[in-house]
């Protein structure tokens, strides 16, 4: 993650470092693509179930 040089967060970080703070770790929200993977998993499960039903009817 990058911040513009004129960002207030970046400036406060510089001030904190000048006062002796060694820095902090920031938790970022999880990207939205995690929902995409969940949706893909659901689709794969449905296709797998549909294929299993088709194979059972062939017997």
N, C-alpha and C. Protein backbone atom coordinates (compact mmCIF):
# COMPACT_ATOMS: atom_id res chain seq x y z
N UNK A 1 0.85 -1.17 0.00
CA UNK A 1 0.00 0.00 0.00
C UNK A 1 0.90 1.23 0.00
N UNK A 2 0.58 2.17 -0.81
CA UNK A 2 1.33 3.43 -0.85
C UNK A 2 0.40 4.58 -0.52
N UNK A 3 0.99 5.61 0.05
CA UNK A 3 0.24 6.82 0.38
C UNK A 3 0.87 7.99 -0.34
N UNK A 4 0.05 8.94 -0.80
CA UNK A 4 0.62 10.13 -1.40
C UNK A 4 1.39 10.93 -0.34
N UNK A 5 2.38 11.67 -0.80
CA UNK A 5 3.23 12.44 0.12
C UNK A 5 2.44 13.49 0.89
N UNK A 6 1.31 13.93 0.35
CA UNK A 6 0.52 14.95 1.05
C UNK A 6 -0.60 14.33 1.90
N UNK A 7 -0.57 13.02 2.06
CA UNK A 7 -1.59 12.33 2.86
C UNK A 7 -1.45 12.68 4.34
N UNK A 8 -2.56 13.00 5.02
CA UNK A 8 -2.48 13.27 6.46
C UNK A 8 -1.96 12.06 7.25
N UNK A 9 -2.31 10.87 6.81
CA UNK A 9 -1.84 9.67 7.50
C UNK A 9 -0.32 9.56 7.39
N UNK A 10 0.20 9.83 6.22
CA UNK A 10 1.65 9.79 6.01
C UNK A 10 2.34 10.85 6.87
N UNK A 11 1.76 12.02 6.92
CA UNK A 11 2.35 13.11 7.71
C UNK A 11 2.35 12.77 9.19
N UNK A 12 1.24 12.22 9.70
CA UNK A 12 1.18 11.83 11.11
C UNK A 12 2.20 10.73 11.40
N UNK A 13 2.40 9.85 10.46
CA UNK A 13 3.40 8.79 10.63
C UNK A 13 4.80 9.40 10.75
N UNK A 14 5.09 10.41 9.93
CA UNK A 14 6.39 11.07 10.01
C UNK A 14 6.57 11.75 11.37
N UNK A 15 5.53 12.40 11.85
CA UNK A 15 5.59 13.08 13.14
C UNK A 15 5.82 12.05 14.25
N UNK A 16 5.09 10.95 14.22
CA UNK A 16 5.24 9.91 15.24
C UNK A 16 6.65 9.33 15.22
N UNK A 17 7.21 9.12 14.05
CA UNK A 17 8.57 8.58 13.95
C UNK A 17 9.58 9.59 14.49
N UNK A 18 9.35 10.88 14.23
CA UNK A 18 10.26 11.91 14.75
C UNK A 18 10.21 11.97 16.27
N UNK A 19 9.07 11.59 16.85
CA UNK A 19 8.93 11.59 18.30
C UNK A 19 9.40 10.27 18.93
N UNK A 20 9.92 9.36 18.11
CA UNK A 20 10.49 8.13 18.66
C UNK A 20 9.65 6.88 18.48
N UNK A 21 8.47 7.01 17.90
CA UNK A 21 7.65 5.83 17.66
C UNK A 21 8.30 4.99 16.57
N UNK A 22 8.43 3.70 16.79
CA UNK A 22 9.09 2.84 15.81
C UNK A 22 8.15 2.43 14.67
N UNK A 23 6.94 2.85 14.72
CA UNK A 23 5.99 2.50 13.68
C UNK A 23 4.99 1.48 14.18
N UNK A 24 3.93 1.37 13.47
CA UNK A 24 2.87 0.44 13.85
C UNK A 24 2.45 -0.36 12.63
N UNK A 25 1.85 -1.48 12.90
CA UNK A 25 1.30 -2.27 11.81
C UNK A 25 -0.18 -1.95 11.71
N UNK A 26 -0.64 -1.85 10.49
CA UNK A 26 -2.03 -1.50 10.23
C UNK A 26 -2.72 -2.69 9.60
N UNK A 27 -3.87 -3.04 10.13
CA UNK A 27 -4.66 -4.13 9.55
C UNK A 27 -5.53 -3.55 8.44
N UNK A 28 -5.41 -4.13 7.27
CA UNK A 28 -6.21 -3.69 6.14
C UNK A 28 -7.39 -4.63 5.96
N UNK A 29 -8.52 -4.11 5.50
CA UNK A 29 -9.66 -5.00 5.27
C UNK A 29 -9.33 -6.01 4.18
N UNK A 30 -9.97 -7.16 4.28
CA UNK A 30 -9.75 -8.21 3.28
C UNK A 30 -10.35 -7.76 1.95
N UNK A 31 -9.66 -8.00 0.87
CA UNK A 31 -10.18 -7.59 -0.43
C UNK A 31 -11.51 -8.27 -0.75
N UNK A 32 -12.29 -7.61 -1.58
CA UNK A 32 -13.61 -8.11 -1.93
C UNK A 32 -13.56 -9.39 -2.75
N UNK A 33 -12.41 -9.70 -3.38
CA UNK A 33 -12.35 -10.89 -4.21
C UNK A 33 -12.51 -12.17 -3.40
N UNK A 34 -12.45 -12.09 -2.08
CA UNK A 34 -12.67 -13.28 -1.26
C UNK A 34 -14.09 -13.81 -1.46
N UNK A 35 -15.04 -12.90 -1.70
CA UNK A 35 -16.40 -13.33 -1.99
C UNK A 35 -16.46 -14.04 -3.33
N UNK A 36 -15.64 -13.60 -4.25
CA UNK A 36 -15.59 -14.23 -5.57
C UNK A 36 -15.22 -15.70 -5.44
N UNK A 37 -14.21 -16.00 -4.64
CA UNK A 37 -13.78 -17.39 -4.47
C UNK A 37 -14.87 -18.23 -3.83
N UNK A 38 -15.61 -17.67 -2.89
CA UNK A 38 -16.72 -18.38 -2.27
C UNK A 38 -17.79 -18.69 -3.30
N UNK A 39 -18.09 -17.72 -4.16
CA UNK A 39 -19.08 -17.94 -5.22
C UNK A 39 -18.62 -19.01 -6.19
N UNK A 40 -17.35 -19.01 -6.54
CA UNK A 40 -16.82 -20.02 -7.46
C UNK A 40 -16.95 -21.40 -6.83
N UNK A 41 -16.64 -21.50 -5.55
CA UNK A 41 -16.75 -22.79 -4.86
C UNK A 41 -18.19 -23.31 -4.90
N UNK A 42 -19.15 -22.43 -4.70
CA UNK A 42 -20.56 -22.83 -4.74
C UNK A 42 -20.94 -23.34 -6.13
N UNK A 43 -20.47 -22.65 -7.17
CA UNK A 43 -20.78 -23.07 -8.54
C UNK A 43 -20.16 -24.43 -8.82
N UNK A 44 -18.92 -24.63 -8.41
CA UNK A 44 -18.25 -25.92 -8.62
C UNK A 44 -19.01 -27.03 -7.89
N UNK A 45 -19.46 -26.77 -6.68
CA UNK A 45 -20.23 -27.77 -5.94
C UNK A 45 -21.52 -28.13 -6.67
N UNK A 46 -22.21 -27.12 -7.22
CA UNK A 46 -23.45 -27.39 -7.94
C UNK A 46 -23.20 -28.21 -9.20
N UNK A 47 -22.14 -27.86 -9.93
CA UNK A 47 -21.81 -28.61 -11.15
C UNK A 47 -21.44 -30.04 -10.79
N UNK A 48 -20.66 -30.22 -9.74
CA UNK A 48 -20.27 -31.56 -9.31
C UNK A 48 -21.51 -32.37 -8.94
N UNK A 49 -22.43 -31.78 -8.17
CA UNK A 49 -23.65 -32.48 -7.77
C UNK A 49 -24.49 -32.83 -8.99
N UNK A 50 -24.60 -31.91 -9.95
CA UNK A 50 -25.37 -32.16 -11.16
C UNK A 50 -24.76 -33.31 -11.96
N UNK A 51 -23.44 -33.33 -12.06
CA UNK A 51 -22.76 -34.40 -12.79
C UNK A 51 -22.93 -35.74 -12.09
N UNK A 52 -22.93 -35.75 -10.77
CA UNK A 52 -23.13 -37.00 -10.03
C UNK A 52 -24.54 -37.54 -10.26
N UNK A 53 -25.54 -36.67 -10.30
CA UNK A 53 -26.92 -37.09 -10.55
C UNK A 53 -27.02 -37.66 -11.96
N UNK A 54 -26.35 -37.03 -12.92
CA UNK A 54 -26.36 -37.52 -14.30
C UNK A 54 -25.72 -38.89 -14.42
N UNK A 55 -24.65 -39.14 -13.71
CA UNK A 55 -23.96 -40.43 -13.76
C UNK A 55 -24.79 -41.52 -13.10
N UNK A 56 -25.53 -41.19 -12.04
CA UNK A 56 -26.37 -42.18 -11.37
C UNK A 56 -27.52 -42.61 -12.26
N UNK A 57 -28.04 -41.70 -13.08
CA UNK A 57 -29.16 -42.06 -13.95
C UNK A 57 -28.69 -42.91 -15.13
N UNK A 58 -27.39 -42.92 -15.44
CA UNK A 58 -26.86 -43.73 -16.53
C UNK A 58 -26.75 -45.19 -16.13
N UNK A 59 -26.73 -45.48 -14.85
CA UNK A 59 -26.55 -46.86 -14.37
C UNK A 59 -27.77 -47.68 -14.54
